[in-house]
Amino acid sequence: MKDVSTPIQNRPMIPDQEPITQVLLYMGTGLLGGVIGYTFPRIARVMRNRITRRDLDKEIIELLSKNPKGMSLSLISKTLNTPKSSTWKRLKKLVEEGLVEEFEGPGKGKLYRLKKRE
């Protein structure tokens, strides 16, 4: 049994000593919590989208109908809570089908809006 009456400052610094082990355990737990906290919401979002079988095309068209001035890929992706890669693939498909048009915005990026019916 260890002598707990000796102050920590007077104890020799040995790598397998209990306080160091505790510090490493806390650091490891914090790191693991950070990794889980960062990745879990992303994994949950992808799984939810796959389970619910969202009709992303329909959601994009509805969103663009409410924003006639156009929206960027990033904004569409954030608004619909979908990965940019999936959103871009769907937008590309909708552009090819002639439902959505892509145009240069006032800044550097491209914007998307519903194609006007003639």
N, C-alpha and C. Protein backbone atom coordinates (compact mmCIF):
# COMPACT_ATOMS: atom_id res chain seq x y z
N MET A 1 0.84 -1.16 0.00
CA MET A 1 0.00 0.00 0.00
C MET A 1 0.89 1.23 0.00
N LYS A 2 0.51 2.24 -0.80
CA LYS A 2 1.31 3.46 -0.91
C LYS A 2 1.07 4.37 0.27
N ASP A 3 2.12 5.11 0.57
CA ASP A 3 2.00 6.10 1.64
C ASP A 3 1.39 7.36 1.06
N VAL A 4 0.15 7.64 1.40
CA VAL A 4 -0.54 8.81 0.86
C VAL A 4 -0.28 10.06 1.68
N SER A 5 0.44 9.94 2.77
CA SER A 5 0.71 11.10 3.61
C SER A 5 1.86 11.94 3.05
N THR A 6 2.70 11.37 2.16
CA THR A 6 3.80 12.12 1.57
C THR A 6 3.26 13.07 0.50
N PRO A 7 3.60 14.36 0.59
CA PRO A 7 3.12 15.30 -0.43
C PRO A 7 3.64 14.90 -1.82
N ILE A 8 2.86 15.25 -2.84
CA ILE A 8 3.21 14.89 -4.22
C ILE A 8 4.54 15.51 -4.63
N GLN A 9 4.84 16.74 -4.15
CA GLN A 9 6.08 17.42 -4.54
C GLN A 9 7.31 16.64 -4.07
N ASN A 10 7.23 15.93 -2.97
CA ASN A 10 8.37 15.22 -2.43
C ASN A 10 8.51 13.81 -2.97
N ARG A 11 7.53 13.34 -3.72
CA ARG A 11 7.62 11.99 -4.27
C ARG A 11 8.50 12.00 -5.52
N PRO A 12 9.26 10.95 -5.75
CA PRO A 12 10.09 10.90 -6.96
C PRO A 12 9.20 10.76 -8.20
N MET A 13 9.63 11.36 -9.32
CA MET A 13 8.87 11.30 -10.57
C MET A 13 9.21 10.01 -11.31
N ILE A 14 8.38 9.04 -11.17
CA ILE A 14 8.55 7.74 -11.83
C ILE A 14 7.41 7.62 -12.83
N PRO A 15 7.69 7.21 -14.11
CA PRO A 15 6.64 7.18 -15.14
C PRO A 15 5.40 6.38 -14.79
N ASP A 16 5.52 5.32 -14.02
CA ASP A 16 4.34 4.51 -13.72
C ASP A 16 3.69 4.91 -12.40
N GLN A 17 4.05 6.08 -11.91
CA GLN A 17 3.47 6.54 -10.65
C GLN A 17 2.00 6.93 -10.89
N GLU A 18 1.19 6.76 -9.90
CA GLU A 18 -0.26 6.94 -10.01
C GLU A 18 -0.70 8.30 -10.55
N PRO A 19 -0.19 9.45 -10.08
CA PRO A 19 -0.65 10.74 -10.62
C PRO A 19 -0.39 10.88 -12.12
N ILE A 20 0.76 10.40 -12.58
CA ILE A 20 1.07 10.48 -14.00
C ILE A 20 0.12 9.59 -14.79
N THR A 21 -0.16 8.42 -14.27
CA THR A 21 -1.10 7.51 -14.92
C THR A 21 -2.47 8.16 -15.01
N GLN A 22 -2.89 8.83 -13.95
CA GLN A 22 -4.18 9.50 -13.96
C GLN A 22 -4.21 10.62 -14.98
N VAL A 23 -3.15 11.40 -15.05
CA VAL A 23 -3.09 12.49 -16.02
C VAL A 23 -3.19 11.93 -17.43
N LEU A 24 -2.43 10.87 -17.71
CA LEU A 24 -2.49 10.27 -19.04
C LEU A 24 -3.87 9.70 -19.33
N LEU A 25 -4.49 9.11 -18.34
CA LEU A 25 -5.84 8.58 -18.51
C LEU A 25 -6.81 9.70 -18.83
N TYR A 26 -6.72 10.82 -18.10
CA TYR A 26 -7.60 11.96 -18.36
C TYR A 26 -7.35 12.54 -19.75
N MET A 27 -6.09 12.64 -20.14
CA MET A 27 -5.77 13.16 -21.47
C MET A 27 -6.31 12.24 -22.56
N GLY A 28 -6.12 10.96 -22.36
CA GLY A 28 -6.62 9.99 -23.34
C GLY A 28 -8.13 10.02 -23.44
N THR A 29 -8.79 10.12 -22.28
CA THR A 29 -10.25 10.19 -22.27
C THR A 29 -10.73 11.46 -22.96
N GLY A 30 -10.07 12.57 -22.71
CA GLY A 30 -10.44 13.83 -23.36
C GLY A 30 -10.25 13.76 -24.86
N LEU A 31 -9.13 13.16 -25.28
CA LEU A 31 -8.85 13.02 -26.71
C LEU A 31 -9.89 12.13 -27.37
N LEU A 32 -10.19 11.00 -26.74
CA LEU A 32 -11.19 10.09 -27.28
C LEU A 32 -12.56 10.78 -27.34
N GLY A 33 -12.90 11.52 -26.31
CA GLY A 33 -14.17 12.26 -26.32
C GLY A 33 -14.23 13.28 -27.44
N GLY A 34 -13.10 13.93 -27.69
CA GLY A 34 -13.04 14.90 -28.79
C GLY A 34 -13.24 14.24 -30.14
N VAL A 35 -12.59 13.09 -30.32
CA VAL A 35 -12.73 12.36 -31.58
C VAL A 35 -14.17 11.90 -31.77
N ILE A 36 -14.75 11.35 -30.73
CA ILE A 36 -16.14 10.89 -30.82
C ILE A 36 -17.08 12.08 -31.04
N GLY A 37 -16.85 13.16 -30.33
CA GLY A 37 -17.68 14.35 -30.48
C GLY A 37 -17.59 14.96 -31.87
N TYR A 38 -16.45 14.79 -32.52
CA TYR A 38 -16.26 15.34 -33.86
C TYR A 38 -16.87 14.43 -34.92
N THR A 39 -16.66 13.13 -34.81
CA THR A 39 -17.08 12.23 -35.88
C THR A 39 -18.51 11.73 -35.75
N PHE A 40 -19.02 11.58 -34.55
CA PHE A 40 -20.35 11.00 -34.38
C PHE A 40 -21.45 11.78 -35.09
N PRO A 41 -21.50 13.12 -34.97
CA PRO A 41 -22.57 13.84 -35.68
C PRO A 41 -22.52 13.64 -37.20
N ARG A 42 -21.31 13.53 -37.75
CA ARG A 42 -21.19 13.33 -39.20
C ARG A 42 -21.66 11.94 -39.60
N ILE A 43 -21.28 10.94 -38.82
CA ILE A 43 -21.71 9.57 -39.11
C ILE A 43 -23.22 9.46 -38.93
N ALA A 44 -23.75 10.08 -37.88
CA ALA A 44 -25.20 10.02 -37.63
C ALA A 44 -25.97 10.67 -38.77
N ARG A 45 -25.47 11.79 -39.29
CA ARG A 45 -26.14 12.47 -40.39
C ARG A 45 -26.20 11.59 -41.64
N VAL A 46 -25.08 10.96 -41.97
CA VAL A 46 -25.04 10.08 -43.14
C VAL A 46 -25.97 8.89 -42.96
N MET A 47 -25.95 8.29 -41.78
CA MET A 47 -26.82 7.14 -41.52
C MET A 47 -28.29 7.54 -41.55
N ARG A 48 -28.61 8.70 -40.98
CA ARG A 48 -30.00 9.15 -41.00
C ARG A 48 -30.48 9.36 -42.44
N ASN A 49 -29.62 9.96 -43.25
CA ASN A 49 -29.99 10.19 -44.65
C ASN A 49 -30.21 8.87 -45.38
N ARG A 50 -29.40 7.88 -45.10
CA ARG A 50 -29.54 6.59 -45.77
C ARG A 50 -30.76 5.83 -45.28
N ILE A 51 -31.05 5.96 -43.99
CA ILE A 51 -32.19 5.24 -43.43
C ILE A 51 -33.51 5.86 -43.90
N THR A 52 -33.59 7.19 -43.89
CA THR A 52 -34.84 7.85 -44.24
C THR A 52 -35.04 7.95 -45.75
N ARG A 53 -34.01 7.68 -46.53
CA ARG A 53 -34.11 7.75 -48.00
C ARG A 53 -34.70 9.08 -48.45
N ARG A 54 -34.00 10.12 -48.11
CA ARG A 54 -34.44 11.46 -48.48
C ARG A 54 -34.51 11.61 -49.99
N ASP A 55 -35.45 12.39 -50.43
CA ASP A 55 -35.52 12.75 -51.84
C ASP A 55 -34.81 14.10 -51.97
N LEU A 56 -33.50 14.02 -52.09
CA LEU A 56 -32.68 15.23 -52.08
C LEU A 56 -33.00 16.13 -53.26
N ASP A 57 -33.30 15.54 -54.42
CA ASP A 57 -33.65 16.35 -55.60
C ASP A 57 -34.85 17.25 -55.28
N LYS A 58 -35.86 16.66 -54.68
CA LYS A 58 -37.08 17.41 -54.35
C LYS A 58 -36.77 18.51 -53.33
N GLU A 59 -35.95 18.19 -52.34
CA GLU A 59 -35.60 19.17 -51.31
C GLU A 59 -34.81 20.34 -51.91
N ILE A 60 -33.91 20.04 -52.84
CA ILE A 60 -33.13 21.10 -53.49
C ILE A 60 -34.06 22.00 -54.30
N ILE A 61 -34.96 21.40 -55.07
CA ILE A 61 -35.89 22.18 -55.89
C ILE A 61 -36.78 23.06 -55.01
N GLU A 62 -37.29 22.52 -53.91
CA GLU A 62 -38.12 23.31 -52.98
C GLU A 62 -37.33 24.47 -52.39
N LEU A 63 -36.08 24.19 -52.01
CA LEU A 63 -35.24 25.23 -51.42
C LEU A 63 -34.94 26.34 -52.43
N LEU A 64 -34.61 25.95 -53.66
CA LEU A 64 -34.30 26.94 -54.69
C LEU A 64 -35.54 27.73 -55.10
N SER A 65 -36.71 27.12 -55.01
CA SER A 65 -37.94 27.85 -55.35
C SER A 65 -38.20 28.97 -54.34
N LYS A 66 -37.71 28.82 -53.12
CA LYS A 66 -37.87 29.84 -52.09
C LYS A 66 -36.77 30.90 -52.14
N ASN A 67 -35.73 30.66 -52.96
CA ASN A 67 -34.60 31.57 -53.08
C ASN A 67 -34.31 31.84 -54.56
N PRO A 68 -35.14 32.67 -55.21
CA PRO A 68 -35.01 32.88 -56.65
C PRO A 68 -33.71 33.58 -57.08
N LYS A 69 -33.03 34.25 -56.16
CA LYS A 69 -31.77 34.92 -56.52
C LYS A 69 -30.62 33.94 -56.63
N GLY A 70 -30.82 32.74 -56.16
CA GLY A 70 -29.79 31.71 -56.24
C GLY A 70 -29.11 31.46 -54.92
N MET A 71 -28.48 30.30 -54.83
CA MET A 71 -27.78 29.91 -53.62
C MET A 71 -26.48 29.20 -54.00
N SER A 72 -25.50 29.30 -53.13
CA SER A 72 -24.23 28.61 -53.36
C SER A 72 -24.35 27.15 -52.93
N LEU A 73 -23.42 26.34 -53.41
CA LEU A 73 -23.37 24.93 -53.02
C LEU A 73 -23.24 24.81 -51.51
N SER A 74 -22.38 25.60 -50.92
CA SER A 74 -22.17 25.54 -49.46
C SER A 74 -23.45 25.86 -48.70
N LEU A 75 -24.16 26.88 -49.12
CA LEU A 75 -25.37 27.28 -48.43
C LEU A 75 -26.46 26.23 -48.58
N ILE A 76 -26.60 25.67 -49.77
CA ILE A 76 -27.58 24.60 -49.98
C ILE A 76 -27.25 23.41 -49.10
N SER A 77 -25.98 23.04 -49.08
CA SER A 77 -25.54 21.90 -48.29
C SER A 77 -25.80 22.12 -46.80
N LYS A 78 -25.47 23.31 -46.29
CA LYS A 78 -25.69 23.62 -44.88
C LYS A 78 -27.18 23.65 -44.54
N THR A 79 -27.97 24.25 -45.42
CA THR A 79 -29.40 24.38 -45.16
C THR A 79 -30.08 23.02 -45.11
N LEU A 80 -29.70 22.13 -46.02
CA LEU A 80 -30.31 20.80 -46.07
C LEU A 80 -29.60 19.79 -45.17
N ASN A 81 -28.50 20.23 -44.56
CA ASN A 81 -27.73 19.36 -43.67
C ASN A 81 -27.28 18.08 -44.39
N THR A 82 -26.67 18.27 -45.56
CA THR A 82 -26.16 17.16 -46.35
C THR A 82 -24.71 17.42 -46.71
N PRO A 83 -23.93 16.38 -47.00
CA PRO A 83 -22.54 16.58 -47.41
C PRO A 83 -22.47 17.33 -48.74
N LYS A 84 -21.44 18.16 -48.88
CA LYS A 84 -21.28 18.93 -50.11
C LYS A 84 -21.17 18.03 -51.34
N SER A 85 -20.49 16.90 -51.19
CA SER A 85 -20.28 16.02 -52.34
C SER A 85 -21.61 15.48 -52.86
N SER A 86 -22.49 15.06 -51.97
CA SER A 86 -23.80 14.55 -52.38
C SER A 86 -24.64 15.67 -53.00
N THR A 87 -24.60 16.84 -52.39
CA THR A 87 -25.36 17.97 -52.89
C THR A 87 -24.88 18.37 -54.27
N TRP A 88 -23.57 18.40 -54.47
CA TRP A 88 -23.01 18.78 -55.76
C TRP A 88 -23.41 17.78 -56.85
N LYS A 89 -23.37 16.48 -56.53
CA LYS A 89 -23.77 15.46 -57.51
C LYS A 89 -25.22 15.64 -57.92
N ARG A 90 -26.09 15.90 -56.95
CA ARG A 90 -27.51 16.10 -57.26
C ARG A 90 -27.72 17.38 -58.07
N LEU A 91 -27.02 18.45 -57.69
CA LEU A 91 -27.14 19.70 -58.44
C LEU A 91 -26.68 19.52 -59.88
N LYS A 92 -25.59 18.80 -60.06
CA LYS A 92 -25.07 18.55 -61.41
C LYS A 92 -26.11 17.80 -62.25
N LYS A 93 -26.76 16.81 -61.62
CA LYS A 93 -27.80 16.04 -62.31
C LYS A 93 -28.98 16.93 -62.68
N LEU A 94 -29.40 17.79 -61.75
CA LEU A 94 -30.52 18.69 -62.00
C LEU A 94 -30.20 19.72 -63.08
N VAL A 95 -28.95 20.15 -63.16
CA VAL A 95 -28.52 21.07 -64.21
C VAL A 95 -28.59 20.37 -65.56
N GLU A 96 -28.10 19.12 -65.62
CA GLU A 96 -28.14 18.35 -66.87
C GLU A 96 -29.57 18.10 -67.33
N GLU A 97 -30.49 17.92 -66.39
CA GLU A 97 -31.90 17.69 -66.72
C GLU A 97 -32.62 18.98 -67.12
N GLY A 98 -31.98 20.12 -66.89
CA GLY A 98 -32.57 21.40 -67.27
C GLY A 98 -33.52 21.99 -66.24
N LEU A 99 -33.52 21.48 -65.04
CA LEU A 99 -34.39 22.01 -63.98
C LEU A 99 -33.73 23.15 -63.21
N VAL A 100 -32.42 23.09 -63.11
CA VAL A 100 -31.65 24.07 -62.35
C VAL A 100 -30.60 24.66 -63.27
N GLU A 101 -30.32 25.95 -63.07
CA GLU A 101 -29.23 26.56 -63.85
C GLU A 101 -28.12 27.02 -62.92
N GLU A 102 -26.93 26.98 -63.46
CA GLU A 102 -25.73 27.37 -62.71
C GLU A 102 -25.25 28.68 -63.32
N PHE A 103 -24.93 29.66 -62.49
CA PHE A 103 -24.45 30.94 -63.00
C PHE A 103 -23.42 31.53 -62.06
N GLU A 104 -22.66 32.47 -62.57
CA GLU A 104 -21.63 33.13 -61.77
C GLU A 104 -22.28 34.17 -60.87
N GLY A 105 -21.97 34.08 -59.60
CA GLY A 105 -22.51 35.03 -58.64
C GLY A 105 -21.70 36.31 -58.64
N PRO A 106 -22.08 37.26 -57.79
CA PRO A 106 -21.35 38.53 -57.73
C PRO A 106 -19.93 38.36 -57.20
N GLY A 107 -19.68 37.31 -56.48
CA GLY A 107 -18.33 37.04 -55.98
C GLY A 107 -17.59 36.11 -56.92
N LYS A 108 -16.82 35.19 -56.36
CA LYS A 108 -16.03 34.27 -57.16
C LYS A 108 -16.78 32.98 -57.50
N GLY A 109 -17.73 32.60 -56.65
CA GLY A 109 -18.34 31.29 -56.77
C GLY A 109 -19.53 31.20 -57.69
N LYS A 110 -19.94 29.97 -57.90
CA LYS A 110 -21.12 29.69 -58.71
C LYS A 110 -22.34 29.65 -57.80
N LEU A 111 -23.47 30.05 -58.38
CA LEU A 111 -24.74 29.99 -57.69
C LEU A 111 -25.69 29.11 -58.49
N TYR A 112 -26.70 28.62 -57.83
CA TYR A 112 -27.69 27.76 -58.47
C TYR A 112 -29.08 28.32 -58.21
N ARG A 113 -29.93 28.26 -59.23
CA ARG A 113 -31.32 28.68 -59.10
C ARG A 113 -32.16 27.84 -60.05
N LEU A 114 -33.46 27.86 -59.82
CA LEU A 114 -34.35 27.14 -60.72
C LEU A 114 -34.31 27.79 -62.09
N LYS A 115 -34.34 26.96 -63.11
CA LYS A 115 -34.34 27.47 -64.47
C LYS A 115 -35.71 28.06 -64.76
N LYS A 116 -35.73 29.23 -65.35
CA LYS A 116 -36.99 29.89 -65.65
C LYS A 116 -37.66 29.22 -66.84
N ARG A 117 -38.95 28.97 -66.69
CA ARG A 117 -39.74 28.35 -67.76
C ARG A 117 -40.04 29.41 -68.82
N GLU A 118 -39.93 28.99 -70.05
CA GLU A 118 -40.20 29.93 -71.15
C GLU A 118 -41.53 29.67 -71.80
